Amino acid sequence: MVNLTDAAVQKIKDFSTQNSSYQGKFFRVFIQSGGCHGFSYGFTFDQKRDNDEINQISDLEVLIDSESSKYLSGSKIDYIEDLHGAGFVVENPNAKGSCGCGNSVNF
């Protein structure tokens, strides 16, 4: 199970209402290979798949595939806007390390 801050929930809703191609889809969080520490976080709007774990958060359904779920369990996702930019930030208790930019992680 992952948790979303109020700021993350609001930003997902904003994205969904502002882009017609996202309507009728669900927010997906996943782990992908790549980055200087081996893995990176991914976020997209997508359809449900057979192996998805569904996290009900507020009135959102957040999808996580079974492989990514092992790495994301217990994570908190926030949406930050500051002088350095804006984006989703993952606080992951399973991560053993991350790079300086915060976009790559190892497990």
N, C-alpha and C. Protein backbone atom coordinates (compact mmCIF):
# COMPACT_ATOMS: atom_id res chain seq x y z
N MET A 1 0.84 -1.18 0.00
CA MET A 1 0.00 0.00 0.00
C MET A 1 0.88 1.24 0.00
N VAL A 2 0.52 2.21 -0.79
CA VAL A 2 1.19 3.51 -0.79
C VAL A 2 0.22 4.56 -0.22
N ASN A 3 0.77 5.66 0.22
CA ASN A 3 -0.02 6.78 0.72
C ASN A 3 0.28 8.00 -0.13
N LEU A 4 -0.71 8.84 -0.30
CA LEU A 4 -0.55 10.10 -1.02
C LEU A 4 -0.86 11.24 -0.08
N THR A 5 -0.09 12.31 -0.16
CA THR A 5 -0.41 13.51 0.60
C THR A 5 -1.60 14.20 -0.07
N ASP A 6 -2.20 15.13 0.64
CA ASP A 6 -3.30 15.90 0.08
C ASP A 6 -2.86 16.66 -1.18
N ALA A 7 -1.62 17.16 -1.17
CA ALA A 7 -1.10 17.89 -2.33
C ALA A 7 -0.99 16.97 -3.55
N ALA A 8 -0.56 15.73 -3.35
CA ALA A 8 -0.45 14.77 -4.45
C ALA A 8 -1.84 14.41 -4.99
N VAL A 9 -2.79 14.17 -4.09
CA VAL A 9 -4.16 13.85 -4.53
C VAL A 9 -4.73 14.99 -5.36
N GLN A 10 -4.56 16.21 -4.89
CA GLN A 10 -5.10 17.36 -5.61
C GLN A 10 -4.46 17.51 -6.98
N LYS A 11 -3.14 17.29 -7.07
CA LYS A 11 -2.45 17.45 -8.36
C LYS A 11 -2.89 16.37 -9.34
N ILE A 12 -3.09 15.15 -8.87
CA ILE A 12 -3.59 14.08 -9.74
C ILE A 12 -4.96 14.44 -10.28
N LYS A 13 -5.82 14.95 -9.42
CA LYS A 13 -7.16 15.38 -9.86
C LYS A 13 -7.05 16.52 -10.87
N ASP A 14 -6.15 17.47 -10.61
CA ASP A 14 -5.95 18.59 -11.55
C ASP A 14 -5.50 18.08 -12.91
N PHE A 15 -4.50 17.20 -12.92
CA PHE A 15 -4.02 16.63 -14.19
C PHE A 15 -5.15 15.94 -14.93
N SER A 16 -5.93 15.17 -14.20
CA SER A 16 -7.02 14.39 -14.81
C SER A 16 -8.08 15.28 -15.44
N THR A 17 -8.42 16.38 -14.79
CA THR A 17 -9.46 17.24 -15.34
C THR A 17 -8.93 18.16 -16.44
N GLN A 18 -7.65 18.45 -16.44
CA GLN A 18 -7.07 19.34 -17.43
C GLN A 18 -6.69 18.65 -18.74
N ASN A 19 -6.60 17.34 -18.74
CA ASN A 19 -6.19 16.62 -19.94
C ASN A 19 -7.24 15.56 -20.27
N SER A 20 -7.96 15.76 -21.34
CA SER A 20 -9.06 14.84 -21.68
C SER A 20 -8.58 13.41 -21.94
N SER A 21 -7.32 13.21 -22.33
CA SER A 21 -6.83 11.85 -22.58
C SER A 21 -6.65 11.06 -21.29
N TYR A 22 -6.64 11.73 -20.12
CA TYR A 22 -6.52 11.06 -18.84
C TYR A 22 -7.86 10.64 -18.26
N GLN A 23 -8.93 11.21 -18.76
CA GLN A 23 -10.24 10.92 -18.20
C GLN A 23 -10.62 9.46 -18.45
N GLY A 24 -11.17 8.83 -17.43
CA GLY A 24 -11.52 7.41 -17.51
C GLY A 24 -10.35 6.49 -17.22
N LYS A 25 -9.19 7.06 -16.93
CA LYS A 25 -8.01 6.26 -16.60
C LYS A 25 -7.67 6.45 -15.12
N PHE A 26 -6.78 5.63 -14.66
CA PHE A 26 -6.38 5.64 -13.26
C PHE A 26 -4.92 6.05 -13.15
N PHE A 27 -4.55 6.61 -12.01
CA PHE A 27 -3.17 7.02 -11.78
C PHE A 27 -2.34 5.78 -11.45
N ARG A 28 -1.25 5.59 -12.16
CA ARG A 28 -0.37 4.43 -11.96
C ARG A 28 0.99 4.91 -11.45
N VAL A 29 1.50 4.20 -10.44
CA VAL A 29 2.84 4.42 -9.91
C VAL A 29 3.62 3.13 -10.16
N PHE A 30 4.86 3.27 -10.66
CA PHE A 30 5.63 2.07 -10.96
C PHE A 30 7.12 2.31 -10.79
N ILE A 31 7.86 1.22 -10.73
CA ILE A 31 9.32 1.22 -10.69
C ILE A 31 9.79 0.75 -12.06
N GLN A 32 10.79 1.45 -12.60
CA GLN A 32 11.35 1.05 -13.88
C GLN A 32 12.88 1.03 -13.78
N SER A 33 13.52 0.22 -14.61
CA SER A 33 14.98 0.18 -14.66
C SER A 33 15.48 1.48 -15.25
N GLY A 34 16.61 1.93 -14.71
CA GLY A 34 17.23 3.12 -15.26
C GLY A 34 17.66 4.07 -14.17
N GLY A 35 18.37 5.09 -14.56
CA GLY A 35 18.89 6.06 -13.62
C GLY A 35 20.24 5.65 -13.10
N CYS A 36 20.91 6.56 -12.45
CA CYS A 36 22.28 6.30 -12.00
C CYS A 36 22.36 5.32 -10.82
N HIS A 37 21.24 5.05 -10.14
CA HIS A 37 21.22 4.09 -9.05
C HIS A 37 20.48 2.80 -9.40
N GLY A 38 20.08 2.64 -10.65
CA GLY A 38 19.50 1.39 -11.10
C GLY A 38 18.01 1.38 -11.35
N PHE A 39 17.24 2.17 -10.60
CA PHE A 39 15.79 2.21 -10.76
C PHE A 39 15.30 3.65 -10.66
N SER A 40 14.14 3.90 -11.25
CA SER A 40 13.50 5.21 -11.10
C SER A 40 12.00 5.01 -10.95
N TYR A 41 11.35 6.04 -10.43
CA TYR A 41 9.91 6.01 -10.25
C TYR A 41 9.23 6.51 -11.51
N GLY A 42 8.09 5.92 -11.82
CA GLY A 42 7.29 6.36 -12.95
C GLY A 42 5.86 6.65 -12.52
N PHE A 43 5.25 7.61 -13.20
CA PHE A 43 3.88 8.01 -12.92
C PHE A 43 3.17 8.22 -14.24
N THR A 44 1.97 7.68 -14.37
CA THR A 44 1.21 7.85 -15.60
C THR A 44 -0.27 7.62 -15.32
N PHE A 45 -1.08 7.92 -16.30
CA PHE A 45 -2.50 7.56 -16.25
C PHE A 45 -2.68 6.37 -17.17
N ASP A 46 -3.42 5.35 -16.72
CA ASP A 46 -3.46 4.08 -17.43
C ASP A 46 -4.76 3.34 -17.12
N GLN A 47 -4.97 2.27 -17.87
CA GLN A 47 -6.09 1.36 -17.62
C GLN A 47 -5.66 0.29 -16.61
N LYS A 48 -6.62 -0.31 -15.93
CA LYS A 48 -6.34 -1.40 -15.02
C LYS A 48 -5.86 -2.62 -15.79
N ARG A 49 -4.96 -3.37 -15.17
CA ARG A 49 -4.45 -4.63 -15.73
C ARG A 49 -4.69 -5.75 -14.72
N ASP A 50 -4.62 -6.97 -15.19
CA ASP A 50 -4.92 -8.12 -14.33
C ASP A 50 -4.05 -8.21 -13.08
N ASN A 51 -2.77 -7.86 -13.18
CA ASN A 51 -1.87 -8.04 -12.03
C ASN A 51 -1.74 -6.79 -11.16
N ASP A 52 -2.64 -5.83 -11.31
CA ASP A 52 -2.56 -4.58 -10.55
C ASP A 52 -3.05 -4.72 -9.13
N GLU A 53 -2.32 -4.07 -8.23
CA GLU A 53 -2.79 -3.84 -6.88
C GLU A 53 -3.52 -2.50 -6.94
N ILE A 54 -4.68 -2.41 -6.36
CA ILE A 54 -5.45 -1.17 -6.40
C ILE A 54 -5.47 -0.57 -5.00
N ASN A 55 -4.95 0.65 -4.89
CA ASN A 55 -4.93 1.38 -3.62
C ASN A 55 -6.01 2.44 -3.68
N GLN A 56 -6.97 2.37 -2.79
CA GLN A 56 -8.02 3.38 -2.70
C GLN A 56 -7.53 4.46 -1.76
N ILE A 57 -7.30 5.65 -2.29
CA ILE A 57 -6.81 6.78 -1.50
C ILE A 57 -7.73 7.96 -1.78
N SER A 58 -8.40 8.41 -0.73
CA SER A 58 -9.41 9.44 -0.89
C SER A 58 -10.44 8.89 -1.88
N ASP A 59 -10.74 9.61 -2.93
CA ASP A 59 -11.65 9.07 -3.94
C ASP A 59 -10.91 8.68 -5.21
N LEU A 60 -9.60 8.40 -5.09
CA LEU A 60 -8.78 7.96 -6.21
C LEU A 60 -8.44 6.48 -6.09
N GLU A 61 -8.33 5.82 -7.23
CA GLU A 61 -7.77 4.47 -7.26
C GLU A 61 -6.39 4.58 -7.87
N VAL A 62 -5.38 4.19 -7.11
CA VAL A 62 -4.00 4.24 -7.56
C VAL A 62 -3.57 2.82 -7.89
N LEU A 63 -3.07 2.62 -9.10
CA LEU A 63 -2.67 1.30 -9.58
C LEU A 63 -1.18 1.09 -9.40
N ILE A 64 -0.81 -0.12 -8.97
CA ILE A 64 0.59 -0.52 -8.86
C ILE A 64 0.68 -1.96 -9.32
N ASP A 65 1.55 -2.23 -10.30
CA ASP A 65 1.71 -3.62 -10.76
C ASP A 65 2.37 -4.45 -9.66
N SER A 66 2.22 -5.76 -9.74
CA SER A 66 2.67 -6.64 -8.66
C SER A 66 4.18 -6.58 -8.44
N GLU A 67 4.97 -6.39 -9.48
CA GLU A 67 6.42 -6.31 -9.34
C GLU A 67 6.82 -5.01 -8.62
N SER A 68 6.24 -3.90 -9.03
CA SER A 68 6.55 -2.61 -8.40
C SER A 68 6.06 -2.56 -6.96
N SER A 69 4.98 -3.25 -6.67
CA SER A 69 4.39 -3.24 -5.33
C SER A 69 5.40 -3.69 -4.27
N LYS A 70 6.26 -4.63 -4.61
CA LYS A 70 7.27 -5.12 -3.67
C LYS A 70 8.21 -3.99 -3.23
N TYR A 71 8.51 -3.09 -4.14
CA TYR A 71 9.43 -2.00 -3.86
C TYR A 71 8.75 -0.76 -3.27
N LEU A 72 7.47 -0.58 -3.55
CA LEU A 72 6.75 0.63 -3.15
C LEU A 72 5.97 0.52 -1.85
N SER A 73 5.85 -0.67 -1.30
CA SER A 73 5.05 -0.87 -0.10
C SER A 73 5.50 0.06 1.02
N GLY A 74 4.54 0.80 1.58
CA GLY A 74 4.82 1.71 2.68
C GLY A 74 5.31 3.09 2.25
N SER A 75 5.38 3.34 0.96
CA SER A 75 5.88 4.63 0.46
C SER A 75 4.84 5.73 0.60
N LYS A 76 5.34 6.95 0.74
CA LYS A 76 4.49 8.13 0.76
C LYS A 76 4.86 8.99 -0.45
N ILE A 77 3.84 9.39 -1.22
CA ILE A 77 4.06 10.19 -2.41
C ILE A 77 3.48 11.58 -2.18
N ASP A 78 4.31 12.58 -2.43
CA ASP A 78 3.92 13.97 -2.27
C ASP A 78 4.10 14.67 -3.61
N TYR A 79 3.48 15.83 -3.74
CA TYR A 79 3.71 16.68 -4.91
C TYR A 79 4.29 17.98 -4.39
N ILE A 80 5.47 18.33 -4.88
CA ILE A 80 6.21 19.49 -4.41
C ILE A 80 6.36 20.50 -5.54
N GLU A 81 6.16 21.76 -5.23
CA GLU A 81 6.46 22.87 -6.14
C GLU A 81 7.37 23.82 -5.38
N ASP A 82 8.59 24.05 -5.91
CA ASP A 82 9.50 24.99 -5.29
C ASP A 82 10.38 25.64 -6.35
N LEU A 83 11.41 26.34 -5.94
CA LEU A 83 12.28 27.04 -6.88
C LEU A 83 13.04 26.11 -7.81
N HIS A 84 13.18 24.84 -7.43
CA HIS A 84 13.91 23.86 -8.24
C HIS A 84 13.02 23.18 -9.27
N GLY A 85 11.71 23.38 -9.19
CA GLY A 85 10.79 22.75 -10.12
C GLY A 85 9.58 22.18 -9.39
N ALA A 86 8.89 21.31 -10.08
CA ALA A 86 7.69 20.69 -9.52
C ALA A 86 7.64 19.23 -9.92
N GLY A 87 7.06 18.41 -9.06
CA GLY A 87 6.90 17.00 -9.40
C GLY A 87 6.56 16.16 -8.20
N PHE A 88 6.30 14.89 -8.48
CA PHE A 88 6.01 13.93 -7.43
C PHE A 88 7.32 13.50 -6.78
N VAL A 89 7.29 13.38 -5.46
CA VAL A 89 8.44 12.96 -4.67
C VAL A 89 8.02 11.75 -3.85
N VAL A 90 8.85 10.71 -3.87
CA VAL A 90 8.54 9.47 -3.16
C VAL A 90 9.44 9.33 -1.95
N GLU A 91 8.82 9.14 -0.79
CA GLU A 91 9.53 8.81 0.43
C GLU A 91 9.34 7.31 0.63
N ASN A 92 10.41 6.55 0.36
CA ASN A 92 10.30 5.10 0.28
C ASN A 92 11.14 4.42 1.36
N PRO A 93 10.51 3.74 2.32
CA PRO A 93 11.27 3.08 3.39
C PRO A 93 12.06 1.87 2.89
N ASN A 94 11.80 1.39 1.68
CA ASN A 94 12.49 0.23 1.13
C ASN A 94 13.77 0.59 0.39
N ALA A 95 13.96 1.87 0.08
CA ALA A 95 15.12 2.31 -0.68
C ALA A 95 16.38 2.23 0.18
N LYS A 96 17.45 1.73 -0.41
CA LYS A 96 18.73 1.66 0.29
C LYS A 96 19.58 2.88 0.00
N GLY A 97 19.25 3.59 -1.07
CA GLY A 97 20.00 4.78 -1.42
C GLY A 97 19.37 5.45 -2.62
N SER A 98 19.73 6.71 -2.82
CA SER A 98 19.24 7.43 -3.99
C SER A 98 20.31 8.41 -4.44
N CYS A 99 20.16 8.91 -5.64
CA CYS A 99 21.13 9.86 -6.18
C CYS A 99 20.83 11.26 -5.66
N GLY A 100 21.73 12.17 -5.92
CA GLY A 100 21.57 13.54 -5.46
C GLY A 100 20.36 14.25 -6.02
N CYS A 101 19.99 13.92 -7.25
CA CYS A 101 18.83 14.59 -7.87
C CYS A 101 17.52 14.01 -7.37
N GLY A 102 17.55 12.85 -6.73
CA GLY A 102 16.35 12.24 -6.19
C GLY A 102 15.50 11.49 -7.20
N ASN A 103 15.98 11.37 -8.42
CA ASN A 103 15.21 10.69 -9.47
C ASN A 103 15.55 9.22 -9.62
N SER A 104 16.60 8.77 -8.99
CA SER A 104 17.03 7.38 -9.12
C SER A 104 17.22 6.79 -7.74
N VAL A 105 16.96 5.48 -7.62
CA VAL A 105 16.98 4.82 -6.32
C VAL A 105 17.52 3.40 -6.49
N ASN A 106 18.09 2.84 -5.40
CA ASN A 106 18.44 1.43 -5.43
C ASN A 106 17.79 0.72 -4.25
N PHE A 107 17.58 -0.58 -4.42
CA PHE A 107 16.90 -1.40 -3.41
C PHE A 107 17.77 -2.53 -2.96
